[in-house]
């Protein structure tokens, strides 16, 4: 029975990998093909489309803007969600349904409605935030809030945070020291998962960016969509770049955060 389960598990995993990898390979082949619409295989290969799309001045600018928006949103949610979730679980556990309702707000509100609501609200507020990247970061924080909140909350529920808090308090640690040096290292896996989900969500966000800032703060998805209107091969090259950037950045986040978590754990253990 166990061998049969392993056999089925291997088949399902293999089909999933094929489902995920084949479209990427096809996109990569199309981005280096001279022409691929009259036969099963491309009629030739070239790097012309890659050179054209990456040599454009807007390429690095949009890539930098996407990184800025993604990391700003990720850092903002990290600072906002982690202390809030810990304080809620420790002090006000009965407030969990309310916070979960707020965090799930983005699932029930389309991006178009959210963007228009933000524009209508902040147009009456005396703050220079309309058409500014700050409103994009704020909107992305609302959109990706559940992707940070749920992993952090699950990581908190997996540890005995009350015992850890009481032990640290008995040693004279204040609340911020407890959070930074005791709780955070023990929920690092949830924080990493949340950061990855937030980064991937914001990096590929198109609707909010197009409606809130448009070409004033052009991001990589806007740049990609522009090429889909006149050349699919250059758009395919940008799609591959987007995947590679997200993949490499995710690996870097995992490496940096896990290394920092090990060092902090070692300090706490001493």
C-alpha atoms as a PDB file:
ATOM      1  CA  UNK A   1       0.000   0.000   0.000  1.00  0.00           C
ATOM      2  CA  UNK A   2       2.808   2.390   0.862  1.00  0.00           C
ATOM      3  CA  UNK A   3       4.595   1.721  -2.439  1.00  0.00           C
ATOM      4  CA  UNK A   4       1.366   2.360  -4.303  1.00  0.00           C
ATOM      5  CA  UNK A   5       0.924   5.681  -2.513  1.00  0.00           C
ATOM      6  CA  UNK A   6       4.505   6.652  -3.322  1.00  0.00           C
ATOM      7  CA  UNK A   7       3.874   5.739  -6.969  1.00  0.00           C
ATOM      8  CA  UNK A   8       0.793   7.937  -7.195  1.00  0.00           C
ATOM      9  CA  UNK A   9       2.579  10.731  -5.367  1.00  0.00           C
ATOM     10  CA  UNK A  10       5.405  10.633  -7.902  1.00  0.00           C
ATOM     11  CA  UNK A  11       2.959  10.758 -10.807  1.00  0.00           C
ATOM     12  CA  UNK A  12       1.065  13.722  -9.370  1.00  0.00           C
ATOM     13  CA  UNK A  13       4.303  15.578  -8.614  1.00  0.00           C
ATOM     14  CA  UNK A  14       5.622  14.851 -12.104  1.00  0.00           C
ATOM     15  CA  UNK A  15       2.434  16.104 -13.771  1.00  0.00           C
ATOM     16  CA  UNK A  16       2.534  19.241 -11.639  1.00  0.00           C
ATOM     17  CA  UNK A  17       6.145  19.939 -12.629  1.00  0.00           C
ATOM     18  CA  UNK A  18       5.296  19.421 -16.300  1.00  0.00           C
ATOM     19  CA  UNK A  19       2.304  21.745 -15.942  1.00  0.00           C
ATOM     20  CA  UNK A  20       4.507  24.447 -14.403  1.00  0.00           C
ATOM     21  CA  UNK A  21       7.677  24.069 -16.501  1.00  0.00           C
ATOM     22  CA  UNK A  22       6.376  23.435 -20.030  1.00  0.00           C
ATOM     23  CA  UNK A  23       4.731  26.902 -20.431  1.00  0.00           C
ATOM     24  CA  UNK A  24       7.921  28.565 -19.216  1.00  0.00           C
ATOM     25  CA  UNK A  25      10.057  26.583 -21.662  1.00  0.00           C
ATOM     26  CA  UNK A  26       7.650  27.383 -24.500  1.00  0.00           C
ATOM     27  CA  UNK A  27       7.768  31.079 -23.597  1.00  0.00           C
ATOM     28  CA  UNK A  28      11.570  31.001 -23.535  1.00  0.00           C
ATOM     29  CA  UNK A  29      11.749  29.268 -26.933  1.00  0.00           C
ATOM     30  CA  UNK A  30       9.276  31.754 -28.423  1.00  0.00           C
ATOM     31  CA  UNK A  31      11.360  34.679 -27.127  1.00  0.00           C
ATOM     32  CA  UNK A  32      14.417  33.478 -29.104  1.00  0.00           C
ATOM     33  CA  UNK A  33      12.594  32.288 -32.224  1.00  0.00           C
ATOM     34  CA  UNK A  34      12.728  34.108 -35.551  1.00  0.00           C
ATOM     35  CA  UNK A  35       9.219  32.930 -36.407  1.00  0.00           C
ATOM     36  CA  UNK A  36       6.990  30.302 -34.840  1.00  0.00           C
ATOM     37  CA  UNK A  37       3.527  30.381 -36.367  1.00  0.00           C
ATOM     38  CA  UNK A  38       3.745  28.256 -39.497  1.00  0.00           C
ATOM     39  CA  UNK A  39       5.253  25.019 -38.189  1.00  0.00           C
ATOM     40  CA  UNK A  40       5.503  22.870 -35.089  1.00  0.00           C
ATOM     41  CA  UNK A  41       9.021  24.086 -34.313  1.00  0.00           C
ATOM     42  CA  UNK A  42      10.542  27.564 -34.698  1.00  0.00           C
ATOM     43  CA  UNK A  43      12.000  28.434 -38.091  1.00  0.00           C
ATOM     44  CA  UNK A  44      15.162  29.791 -36.508  1.00  0.00           C
ATOM     45  CA  UNK A  45      16.660  31.245 -33.360  1.00  0.00           C
ATOM     46  CA  UNK A  46      17.973  34.699 -32.534  1.00  0.00           C
ATOM     47  CA  UNK A  47      18.743  36.934 -29.559  1.00  0.00           C
ATOM     48  CA  UNK A  48      17.581  40.043 -31.391  1.00  0.00           C
ATOM     49  CA  UNK A  49      14.374  40.381 -29.363  1.00  0.00           C
ATOM     50  CA  UNK A  50      16.258  40.115 -26.076  1.00  0.00           C
ATOM     51  CA  UNK A  51      18.780  42.752 -27.132  1.00  0.00           C
ATOM     52  CA  UNK A  52      16.069  45.145 -28.286  1.00  0.00           C
ATOM     53  CA  UNK A  53      13.910  44.848 -25.206  1.00  0.00           C
ATOM     54  CA  UNK A  54      16.754  45.043 -22.660  1.00  0.00           C
ATOM     55  CA  UNK A  55      18.580  47.908 -24.364  1.00  0.00           C
ATOM     56  CA  UNK A  56      15.592  50.210 -24.010  1.00  0.00           C
ATOM     57  CA  UNK A  57      16.132  52.836 -21.244  1.00  0.00           C
ATOM     58  CA  UNK A  58      12.741  52.016 -19.730  1.00  0.00           C
ATOM     59  CA  UNK A  59      13.798  48.424 -19.022  1.00  0.00           C
ATOM     60  CA  UNK A  60      16.028  49.156 -16.019  1.00  0.00           C
ATOM     61  CA  UNK A  61      13.802  51.992 -14.835  1.00  0.00           C
ATOM     62  CA  UNK A  62      10.659  49.849 -14.699  1.00  0.00           C
ATOM     63  CA  UNK A  63      12.567  47.002 -13.109  1.00  0.00           C
ATOM     64  CA  UNK A  64      13.872  49.338 -10.415  1.00  0.00           C
ATOM     65  CA  UNK A  65      10.392  50.761  -9.818  1.00  0.00           C
ATOM     66  CA  UNK A  66       8.927  47.286  -9.396  1.00  0.00           C
ATOM     67  CA  UNK A  67      11.647  46.374  -6.913  1.00  0.00           C
ATOM     68  CA  UNK A  68      11.056  49.608  -5.001  1.00  0.00           C
ATOM     69  CA  UNK A  69       7.307  49.073  -4.742  1.00  0.00           C
ATOM     70  CA  UNK A  70       7.681  45.386  -3.844  1.00  0.00           C
ATOM     71  CA  UNK A  71      10.267  45.850  -1.107  1.00  0.00           C
ATOM     72  CA  UNK A  72       8.525  48.933   0.311  1.00  0.00           C
ATOM     73  CA  UNK A  73       5.257  47.004   0.567  1.00  0.00           C
ATOM     74  CA  UNK A  74       7.013  43.982   2.012  1.00  0.00           C
ATOM     75  CA  UNK A  75       8.828  46.035   4.651  1.00  0.00           C
ATOM     76  CA  UNK A  76       5.689  48.003   5.542  1.00  0.00           C
ATOM     77  CA  UNK A  77       3.628  44.868   6.063  1.00  0.00           C
ATOM     78  CA  UNK A  78       6.434  43.209   8.000  1.00  0.00           C
ATOM     79  CA  UNK A  79       6.570  46.122  10.436  1.00  0.00           C
ATOM     80  CA  UNK A  80       2.787  46.388  10.638  1.00  0.00           C
ATOM     81  CA  UNK A  81       1.644  42.755  10.751  1.00  0.00           C
ATOM     82  CA  UNK A  82       4.242  41.035  12.927  1.00  0.00           C
ATOM     83  CA  UNK A  83       3.815  43.174  16.095  1.00  0.00           C
ATOM     84  CA  UNK A  84       0.044  43.378  15.551  1.00  0.00           C
ATOM     85  CA  UNK A  85      -0.426  39.635  15.224  1.00  0.00           C
ATOM     86  CA  UNK A  86       1.756  38.983  18.274  1.00  0.00           C
ATOM     87  CA  UNK A  87      -0.008  41.626  20.383  1.00  0.00           C
ATOM     88  CA  UNK A  88      -3.410  40.352  19.299  1.00  0.00           C
ATOM     89  CA  UNK A  89      -2.600  36.736  20.202  1.00  0.00           C
ATOM     90  CA  UNK A  90      -1.051  37.753  23.527  1.00  0.00           C
ATOM     91  CA  UNK A  91      -3.343  40.512  24.767  1.00  0.00           C
ATOM     92  CA  UNK A  92      -6.583  40.472  22.784  1.00  0.00           C
ATOM     93  CA  UNK A  93      -7.227  36.951  21.452  1.00  0.00           C
ATOM     94  CA  UNK A  94     -10.932  37.724  21.122  1.00  0.00           C
ATOM     95  CA  UNK A  95     -10.061  40.282  18.444  1.00  0.00           C
ATOM     96  CA  UNK A  96      -8.884  37.601  16.024  1.00  0.00           C
ATOM     97  CA  UNK A  97     -12.184  37.460  14.023  1.00  0.00           C
ATOM     98  CA  UNK A  98     -12.108  41.233  13.500  1.00  0.00           C
ATOM     99  CA  UNK A  99      -8.502  41.269  12.281  1.00  0.00           C
ATOM    100  CA  UNK A 100      -9.147  38.294  10.007  1.00  0.00           C
ATOM    101  CA  UNK A 101     -12.151  40.108   8.542  1.00  0.00           C
ATOM    102  CA  UNK A 102     -10.023  43.177   7.877  1.00  0.00           C
ATOM    103  CA  UNK A 103      -7.201  41.106   6.381  1.00  0.00           C
ATOM    104  CA  UNK A 104      -9.594  39.297   4.026  1.00  0.00           C
ATOM    105  CA  UNK A 105     -10.967  42.596   2.724  1.00  0.00           C
ATOM    106  CA  UNK A 106      -8.828  42.440  -0.409  1.00  0.00           C
ATOM    107  CA  UNK A 107     -10.304  39.073  -1.419  1.00  0.00           C
ATOM    108  CA  UNK A 108     -13.782  40.539  -1.724  1.00  0.00           C
ATOM    109  CA  UNK A 109     -12.902  43.889  -3.286  1.00  0.00           C
ATOM    110  CA  UNK A 110     -11.589  43.974  -6.887  1.00  0.00           C
ATOM    111  CA  UNK A 111      -8.478  45.990  -7.591  1.00  0.00           C
ATOM    112  CA  UNK A 112     -10.414  48.456  -9.737  1.00  0.00           C
ATOM    113  CA  UNK A 113     -12.827  49.248  -6.897  1.00  0.00           C
ATOM    114  CA  UNK A 114      -9.962  49.571  -4.413  1.00  0.00           C
ATOM    115  CA  UNK A 115      -8.052  51.956  -6.674  1.00  0.00           C
ATOM    116  CA  UNK A 116     -11.073  54.180  -7.318  1.00  0.00           C
ATOM    117  CA  UNK A 117     -11.963  54.231  -3.612  1.00  0.00           C
ATOM    118  CA  UNK A 118      -8.433  55.298  -2.675  1.00  0.00           C
ATOM    119  CA  UNK A 119      -8.390  58.043  -5.302  1.00  0.00           C
ATOM    120  CA  UNK A 120     -11.783  59.350  -4.165  1.00  0.00           C
ATOM    121  CA  UNK A 121     -10.792  59.313  -0.492  1.00  0.00           C
ATOM    122  CA  UNK A 122      -7.312  60.841  -0.743  1.00  0.00           C
ATOM    123  CA  UNK A 123      -8.461  63.518  -3.182  1.00  0.00           C
ATOM    124  CA  UNK A 124     -10.251  65.081  -0.190  1.00  0.00           C
ATOM    125  CA  UNK A 125      -7.333  64.668   2.206  1.00  0.00           C
ATOM    126  CA  UNK A 126      -4.699  67.448   2.356  1.00  0.00           C
ATOM    127  CA  UNK A 127      -1.846  65.071   1.565  1.00  0.00           C
ATOM    128  CA  UNK A 128       0.219  65.081  -1.671  1.00  0.00           C
ATOM    129  CA  UNK A 129      -0.330  61.362  -2.200  1.00  0.00           C
ATOM    130  CA  UNK A 130      -2.480  61.256  -5.340  1.00  0.00           C
ATOM    131  CA  UNK A 131      -0.459  60.123  -8.394  1.00  0.00           C
ATOM    132  CA  UNK A 132       2.478  59.448  -6.053  1.00  0.00           C
ATOM    133  CA  UNK A 133       4.173  56.060  -5.586  1.00  0.00           C
ATOM    134  CA  UNK A 134       3.184  56.216  -1.910  1.00  0.00           C
ATOM    135  CA  UNK A 135      -0.455  55.591  -2.783  1.00  0.00           C
ATOM    136  CA  UNK A 136       0.600  52.563  -4.817  1.00  0.00           C
ATOM    137  CA  UNK A 137       2.506  51.136  -1.851  1.00  0.00           C
ATOM    138  CA  UNK A 138      -0.470  51.779   0.439  1.00  0.00           C
ATOM    139  CA  UNK A 139      -2.848  50.083  -1.994  1.00  0.00           C
ATOM    140  CA  UNK A 140      -0.509  47.111  -2.401  1.00  0.00           C
ATOM    141  CA  UNK A 141      -0.328  46.779   1.381  1.00  0.00           C
ATOM    142  CA  UNK A 142      -4.113  46.493   1.511  1.00  0.00           C
ATOM    143  CA  UNK A 143      -4.111  44.051  -1.393  1.00  0.00           C
ATOM    144  CA  UNK A 144      -1.398  41.763  -0.014  1.00  0.00           C
ATOM    145  CA  UNK A 145      -2.237  42.055   3.694  1.00  0.00           C
ATOM    146  CA  UNK A 146      -3.673  38.507   4.001  1.00  0.00           C
ATOM    147  CA  UNK A 147      -0.570  37.027   2.357  1.00  0.00           C
ATOM    148  CA  UNK A 148       1.564  38.370   5.209  1.00  0.00           C
ATOM    149  CA  UNK A 149      -0.936  38.011   8.042  1.00  0.00           C
ATOM    150  CA  UNK A 150      -1.868  34.356   7.577  1.00  0.00           C
ATOM    151  CA  UNK A 151       1.701  32.877   7.489  1.00  0.00           C
ATOM    152  CA  UNK A 152       2.751  34.971  10.500  1.00  0.00           C
ATOM    153  CA  UNK A 153      -0.351  33.967  12.448  1.00  0.00           C
ATOM    154  CA  UNK A 154       0.132  30.279  11.624  1.00  0.00           C
ATOM    155  CA  UNK A 155       3.757  30.480  12.776  1.00  0.00           C
ATOM    156  CA  UNK A 156       2.678  32.129  16.038  1.00  0.00           C
ATOM    157  CA  UNK A 157       0.075  29.445  16.672  1.00  0.00           C
ATOM    158  CA  UNK A 158       2.703  26.754  16.104  1.00  0.00           C
ATOM    159  CA  UNK A 159       4.864  27.918  19.040  1.00  0.00           C
ATOM    160  CA  UNK A 160       4.174  28.453  22.726  1.00  0.00           C
ATOM    161  CA  UNK A 161       4.580  32.214  22.539  1.00  0.00           C
ATOM    162  CA  UNK A 162       3.106  32.796  26.013  1.00  0.00           C
ATOM    163  CA  UNK A 163       5.742  30.658  27.719  1.00  0.00           C
ATOM    164  CA  UNK A 164       8.501  32.320  25.681  1.00  0.00           C
ATOM    165  CA  UNK A 165       7.154  35.756  26.596  1.00  0.00           C
ATOM    166  CA  UNK A 166       6.894  34.969  30.291  1.00  0.00           C
ATOM    167  CA  UNK A 167      10.391  33.476  30.340  1.00  0.00           C
ATOM    168  CA  UNK A 168      11.847  36.564  28.680  1.00  0.00           C
ATOM    169  CA  UNK A 169       9.939  38.866  31.022  1.00  0.00           C
ATOM    170  CA  UNK A 170      11.311  36.981  34.017  1.00  0.00           C
ATOM    171  CA  UNK A 171      14.793  37.813  32.737  1.00  0.00           C
ATOM    172  CA  UNK A 172      13.951  41.520  32.539  1.00  0.00           C
ATOM    173  CA  UNK A 173      13.371  41.883  28.795  1.00  0.00           C
ATOM    174  CA  UNK A 174      10.952  44.540  27.597  1.00  0.00           C
ATOM    175  CA  UNK A 175       8.258  44.018  24.971  1.00  0.00           C
ATOM    176  CA  UNK A 176      10.329  45.109  21.971  1.00  0.00           C
ATOM    177  CA  UNK A 177      13.294  42.957  22.973  1.00  0.00           C
ATOM    178  CA  UNK A 178      10.974  39.976  23.419  1.00  0.00           C
ATOM    179  CA  UNK A 179       9.466  40.514  19.990  1.00  0.00           C
ATOM    180  CA  UNK A 180      12.746  41.113  18.170  1.00  0.00           C
ATOM    181  CA  UNK A 181      15.007  38.565  19.861  1.00  0.00           C
ATOM    182  CA  UNK A 182      12.641  35.837  21.057  1.00  0.00           C
ATOM    183  CA  UNK A 183       9.441  35.745  19.022  1.00  0.00           C
ATOM    184  CA  UNK A 184      10.696  36.759  15.569  1.00  0.00           C
ATOM    185  CA  UNK A 185      13.440  34.073  15.361  1.00  0.00           C
ATOM    186  CA  UNK A 186      10.862  31.422  16.257  1.00  0.00           C
ATOM    187  CA  UNK A 187       8.380  32.538  13.583  1.00  0.00           C
ATOM    188  CA  UNK A 188      10.972  33.230  10.905  1.00  0.00           C
ATOM    189  CA  UNK A 189       9.528  30.578   8.603  1.00  0.00           C
ATOM    190  CA  UNK A 190       6.161  32.342   8.599  1.00  0.00           C
ATOM    191  CA  UNK A 191       7.796  35.723   8.013  1.00  0.00           C
ATOM    192  CA  UNK A 192       9.790  34.349   5.077  1.00  0.00           C
ATOM    193  CA  UNK A 193       6.676  32.809   3.544  1.00  0.00           C
ATOM    194  CA  UNK A 194       4.750  36.050   3.964  1.00  0.00           C
ATOM    195  CA  UNK A 195       7.548  38.136   2.462  1.00  0.00           C
ATOM    196  CA  UNK A 196       7.762  35.869  -0.581  1.00  0.00           C
ATOM    197  CA  UNK A 197       4.013  35.957  -1.142  1.00  0.00           C
ATOM    198  CA  UNK A 198       3.888  39.743  -0.788  1.00  0.00           C
ATOM    199  CA  UNK A 199       6.858  40.276  -3.091  1.00  0.00           C
ATOM    200  CA  UNK A 200       5.495  38.028  -5.841  1.00  0.00           C
ATOM    201  CA  UNK A 201       2.052  39.642  -5.590  1.00  0.00           C
ATOM    202  CA  UNK A 202       3.274  43.243  -5.778  1.00  0.00           C
ATOM    203  CA  UNK A 203       5.963  42.620  -8.397  1.00  0.00           C
ATOM    204  CA  UNK A 204       3.352  41.335 -10.852  1.00  0.00           C
ATOM    205  CA  UNK A 205       0.599  43.819  -9.932  1.00  0.00           C
ATOM    206  CA  UNK A 206      -0.802  45.620 -12.967  1.00  0.00           C
ATOM    207  CA  UNK A 207      -4.313  46.916 -12.204  1.00  0.00           C
ATOM    208  CA  UNK A 208      -3.506  49.084  -9.189  1.00  0.00           C
ATOM    209  CA  UNK A 209      -0.364  50.475 -10.795  1.00  0.00           C
ATOM    210  CA  UNK A 210      -2.127  51.358 -14.014  1.00  0.00           C
ATOM    211  CA  UNK A 211      -5.031  53.091 -12.262  1.00  0.00           C
ATOM    212  CA  UNK A 212      -3.216  54.818  -9.390  1.00  0.00           C
ATOM    213  CA  UNK A 213       0.051  56.063 -10.906  1.00  0.00           C
ATOM    214  CA  UNK A 214       0.136  54.925 -14.536  1.00  0.00           C
ATOM    215  CA  UNK A 215       3.156  56.129 -16.487  1.00  0.00           C
ATOM    216  CA  UNK A 216       4.203  58.465 -13.645  1.00  0.00           C
ATOM    217  CA  UNK A 217       5.714  55.446 -11.913  1.00  0.00           C
ATOM    218  CA  UNK A 218       5.894  52.810 -14.631  1.00  0.00           C
ATOM    219  CA  UNK A 219       6.580  49.328 -13.294  1.00  0.00           C
ATOM    220  CA  UNK A 220       7.711  46.178 -15.041  1.00  0.00           C
ATOM    221  CA  UNK A 221       4.179  44.767 -15.678  1.00  0.00           C
ATOM    222  CA  UNK A 222       3.210  47.996 -17.452  1.00  0.00           C
ATOM    223  CA  UNK A 223       6.346  47.751 -19.564  1.00  0.00           C
ATOM    224  CA  UNK A 224       5.530  44.136 -20.423  1.00  0.00           C
ATOM    225  CA  UNK A 225       1.940  44.910 -21.405  1.00  0.00           C
ATOM    226  CA  UNK A 226       3.128  47.631 -23.786  1.00  0.00           C
ATOM    227  CA  UNK A 227       5.111  45.046 -25.772  1.00  0.00           C
ATOM    228  CA  UNK A 228       2.228  42.563 -25.905  1.00  0.00           C
ATOM    229  CA  UNK A 229       0.398  45.026 -28.148  1.00  0.00           C
ATOM    230  CA  UNK A 230       2.907  44.904 -31.008  1.00  0.00           C
ATOM    231  CA  UNK A 231       5.471  42.097 -30.514  1.00  0.00           C
ATOM    232  CA  UNK A 232       4.789  38.876 -28.641  1.00  0.00           C
ATOM    233  CA  UNK A 233       8.407  37.731 -28.876  1.00  0.00           C
ATOM    234  CA  UNK A 234       9.725  40.728 -26.960  1.00  0.00           C
ATOM    235  CA  UNK A 235       6.860  40.365 -24.492  1.00  0.00           C
ATOM    236  CA  UNK A 236       7.864  36.702 -24.021  1.00  0.00           C
ATOM    237  CA  UNK A 237      11.432  37.802 -23.276  1.00  0.00           C
ATOM    238  CA  UNK A 238      10.120  40.192 -20.622  1.00  0.00           C
ATOM    239  CA  UNK A 239       7.933  37.451 -19.158  1.00  0.00           C
ATOM    240  CA  UNK A 240      10.977  35.210 -18.784  1.00  0.00           C
ATOM    241  CA  UNK A 241      12.906  38.087 -17.177  1.00  0.00           C
ATOM    242  CA  UNK A 242      10.042  38.636 -14.751  1.00  0.00           C
ATOM    243  CA  UNK A 243      10.041  34.978 -13.728  1.00  0.00           C
ATOM    244  CA  UNK A 244      13.824  34.839 -13.319  1.00  0.00           C
ATOM    245  CA  UNK A 245      13.912  38.041 -11.264  1.00  0.00           C
ATOM    246  CA  UNK A 246      11.155  36.816  -8.954  1.00  0.00           C
ATOM    247  CA  UNK A 247      12.856  33.428  -8.589  1.00  0.00           C
ATOM    248  CA  UNK A 248      16.337  34.817  -7.877  1.00  0.00           C
ATOM    249  CA  UNK A 249      14.984  37.425  -5.463  1.00  0.00           C
ATOM    250  CA  UNK A 250      13.025  34.765  -3.611  1.00  0.00           C
ATOM    251  CA  UNK A 251      16.175  32.678  -3.189  1.00  0.00           C
ATOM    252  CA  UNK A 252      18.079  35.721  -1.931  1.00  0.00           C
ATOM    253  CA  UNK A 253      15.349  36.545   0.579  1.00  0.00           C
ATOM    254  CA  UNK A 254      15.370  32.963   1.858  1.00  0.00           C
ATOM    255  CA  UNK A 255      19.175  32.936   2.165  1.00  0.00           C
ATOM    256  CA  UNK A 256      19.502  36.329   3.870  1.00  0.00           C
ATOM    257  CA  UNK A 257      16.587  35.831   6.250  1.00  0.00           C
ATOM    258  CA  UNK A 258      17.516  32.289   7.230  1.00  0.00           C
ATOM    259  CA  UNK A 259      21.105  33.365   7.857  1.00  0.00           C
ATOM    260  CA  UNK A 260      19.940  36.252  10.013  1.00  0.00           C
ATOM    261  CA  UNK A 261      17.556  33.953  11.869  1.00  0.00           C
ATOM    262  CA  UNK A 262      20.337  31.484  12.679  1.00  0.00           C
ATOM    263  CA  UNK A 263      22.581  34.257  13.990  1.00  0.00           C
ATOM    264  CA  UNK A 264      19.801  35.699  16.178  1.00  0.00           C
ATOM    265  CA  UNK A 265      18.893  32.272  17.511  1.00  0.00           C
ATOM    266  CA  UNK A 266      22.533  31.664  18.378  1.00  0.00           C
ATOM    267  CA  UNK A 267      22.702  34.960  20.286  1.00  0.00           C
ATOM    268  CA  UNK A 268      19.502  34.200  22.189  1.00  0.00           C
ATOM    269  CA  UNK A 269      20.729  30.696  22.972  1.00  0.00           C
ATOM    270  CA  UNK A 270      23.904  32.059  24.554  1.00  0.00           C
END
